[in-house]
Amino acid sequence: MLSSLLYIPEIIATLWLLDVRPIEVKQDNYTRYLIQDSCVVEVLEYADSALVVQTVCAPICSSRARVYNKDNKLVRDIEPSCGGIFPYAWIENGILYWRDNTDQMLDEHERKPSL
């Protein structure tokens, strides 16, 4: 299995150099790094690649999902299945999920009506 450390984005590596340690939760081929309640990085490792989801909350959460190969090279960005300005992604039970967080920045008069 590949080392999760290969896929830690540059910002987390920089934080480690500054002695800010993320909280790491590891389960099988899944690792979650939590940095001061505002940044989460999830890594789902496969034999030859890894899915990496980066989420930053400031104050609205927005995510990026990418796939890297075993040489730590970006294979592709994964676009959200939902539209919106603030896509939010997470990995649950080995599946990538998306939702649109755009409504969180709107007041009650600006939000789309629920169906």
Protein backbone atom coordinates (compact mmCIF):
# COMPACT_ATOMS: atom_id res chain seq x y z
CA MET A 1 0.00 0.00 0.00
CA LEU A 2 1.15 3.52 -0.74
CA SER A 3 2.10 5.89 2.02
CA SER A 4 -0.53 8.56 2.76
CA LEU A 5 2.28 11.03 3.27
CA LEU A 6 2.91 11.06 -0.47
CA TYR A 7 -0.48 12.64 -1.01
CA ILE A 8 -0.50 15.30 1.68
CA PRO A 9 -0.93 18.59 -0.17
CA GLU A 10 1.79 21.20 0.08
CA ILE A 11 -0.13 23.30 2.60
CA ILE A 12 -0.18 20.44 5.10
CA ALA A 13 3.50 19.71 4.54
CA THR A 14 4.21 23.40 5.23
CA LEU A 15 2.17 23.26 8.44
CA TRP A 16 4.23 20.27 9.57
CA LEU A 17 7.39 22.31 9.01
CA LEU A 18 5.86 25.06 11.17
CA ASP A 19 5.22 22.44 13.88
CA VAL A 20 1.42 22.50 13.45
CA ARG A 21 0.40 18.83 13.62
CA PRO A 22 -2.86 17.70 12.07
CA ILE A 23 -5.01 15.13 13.81
CA GLU A 24 -4.73 11.92 11.82
CA VAL A 25 -7.41 9.24 11.75
CA LYS A 26 -6.51 6.10 9.82
CA GLN A 27 -8.70 3.13 8.98
CA ASP A 28 -7.52 0.53 6.47
CA ASN A 29 -6.82 2.40 3.21
CA TYR A 30 -8.52 5.64 4.37
CA THR A 31 -6.81 8.49 6.23
CA ARG A 32 -8.35 11.77 7.41
CA TYR A 33 -6.23 14.75 8.47
CA LEU A 34 -7.92 17.51 10.48
CA ILE A 35 -6.14 20.84 10.84
CA GLN A 36 -7.58 23.29 13.38
CA ASP A 37 -11.25 22.68 12.45
CA SER A 38 -10.85 24.64 9.22
CA CYS A 39 -9.06 22.26 6.88
CA VAL A 40 -9.66 18.56 6.27
CA VAL A 41 -7.78 16.29 3.89
CA GLU A 42 -9.10 12.81 3.18
CA VAL A 43 -7.01 10.19 1.38
CA LEU A 44 -8.41 6.94 0.01
CA GLU A 45 -5.56 4.74 -1.20
CA TYR A 46 -5.72 2.11 -3.91
CA ALA A 47 -2.93 -0.22 -5.07
CA ASP A 48 -1.81 2.17 -7.83
CA SER A 49 -3.41 5.52 -7.00
CA ALA A 50 -5.11 7.65 -4.35
CA LEU A 51 -8.20 9.81 -4.18
CA VAL A 52 -7.50 13.03 -2.25
CA VAL A 53 -10.26 15.37 -1.06
CA GLN A 54 -9.21 18.76 0.34
CA THR A 55 -11.83 20.81 2.20
CA VAL A 56 -11.29 24.31 3.56
CA CYS A 57 -13.87 26.11 5.69
CA ALA A 58 -13.54 29.88 5.96
CA PRO A 59 -16.42 30.13 7.00
CA ILE A 60 -18.19 28.20 4.20
CA CYS A 61 -16.72 24.80 3.35
CA SER A 62 -15.53 24.13 -0.19
CA SER A 63 -13.73 21.06 -1.52
CA ARG A 64 -11.47 19.80 -4.30
CA ALA A 65 -11.12 16.16 -5.26
CA ARG A 66 -8.14 14.80 -7.19
CA VAL A 67 -6.65 11.46 -8.17
CA TYR A 68 -2.88 10.91 -7.95
CA ASN A 69 -0.89 7.97 -9.31
CA LYS A 70 1.70 6.02 -7.31
CA ASP A 71 4.40 8.48 -8.41
CA ASN A 72 2.47 11.35 -6.74
CA LYS A 73 1.56 12.82 -10.14
CA LEU A 74 -1.86 14.38 -10.61
CA VAL A 75 -3.97 12.13 -12.85
CA ARG A 76 -7.12 14.25 -12.85
CA ASP A 77 -9.34 16.68 -11.03
CA ILE A 78 -12.79 15.33 -10.24
CA GLU A 79 -15.60 17.75 -10.94
CA PRO A 80 -18.58 17.83 -8.58
CA SER A 81 -21.80 16.20 -9.67
CA CYS A 82 -23.66 19.22 -8.29
CA GLY A 83 -23.39 22.81 -9.48
CA GLY A 84 -22.72 25.84 -7.35
CA ILE A 85 -19.87 28.04 -6.22
CA PHE A 86 -18.97 26.09 -3.07
CA PRO A 87 -18.94 22.35 -3.82
CA TYR A 88 -18.41 20.20 -0.73
CA ALA A 89 -17.03 16.66 -0.95
CA TRP A 90 -16.33 13.84 1.47
CA ILE A 91 -15.43 10.17 1.38
CA GLU A 92 -17.70 7.74 3.19
CA ASN A 93 -17.32 3.95 3.06
CA GLY A 94 -15.03 4.24 0.04
CA ILE A 95 -17.45 6.42 -1.96
CA LEU A 96 -16.96 10.07 -2.97
CA TYR A 97 -19.99 12.25 -2.22
CA TRP A 98 -20.68 15.86 -3.27
CA ARG A 99 -23.15 18.52 -2.17
CA ASP A 100 -23.59 22.20 -2.98
CA ASN A 101 -22.80 24.51 -0.03
CA THR A 102 -23.59 27.71 -1.96
CA ASP A 103 -26.91 28.26 -0.14
CA GLN A 104 -25.03 28.63 3.15
CA MET A 105 -23.73 32.05 2.09
CA LEU A 106 -27.17 33.35 1.06
CA ASP A 107 -29.76 34.87 3.34
CA GLU A 108 -33.28 33.39 3.52
CA HIS A 109 -34.60 35.66 0.71
CA GLU A 110 -31.80 34.70 -1.71
CA ARG A 111 -32.03 30.92 -1.28
CA LYS A 112 -33.72 28.74 -3.84
CA PRO A 113 -37.11 27.51 -2.68
CA SER A 114 -37.21 23.86 -1.60
CA LEU A 115 -39.20 21.45 -3.73
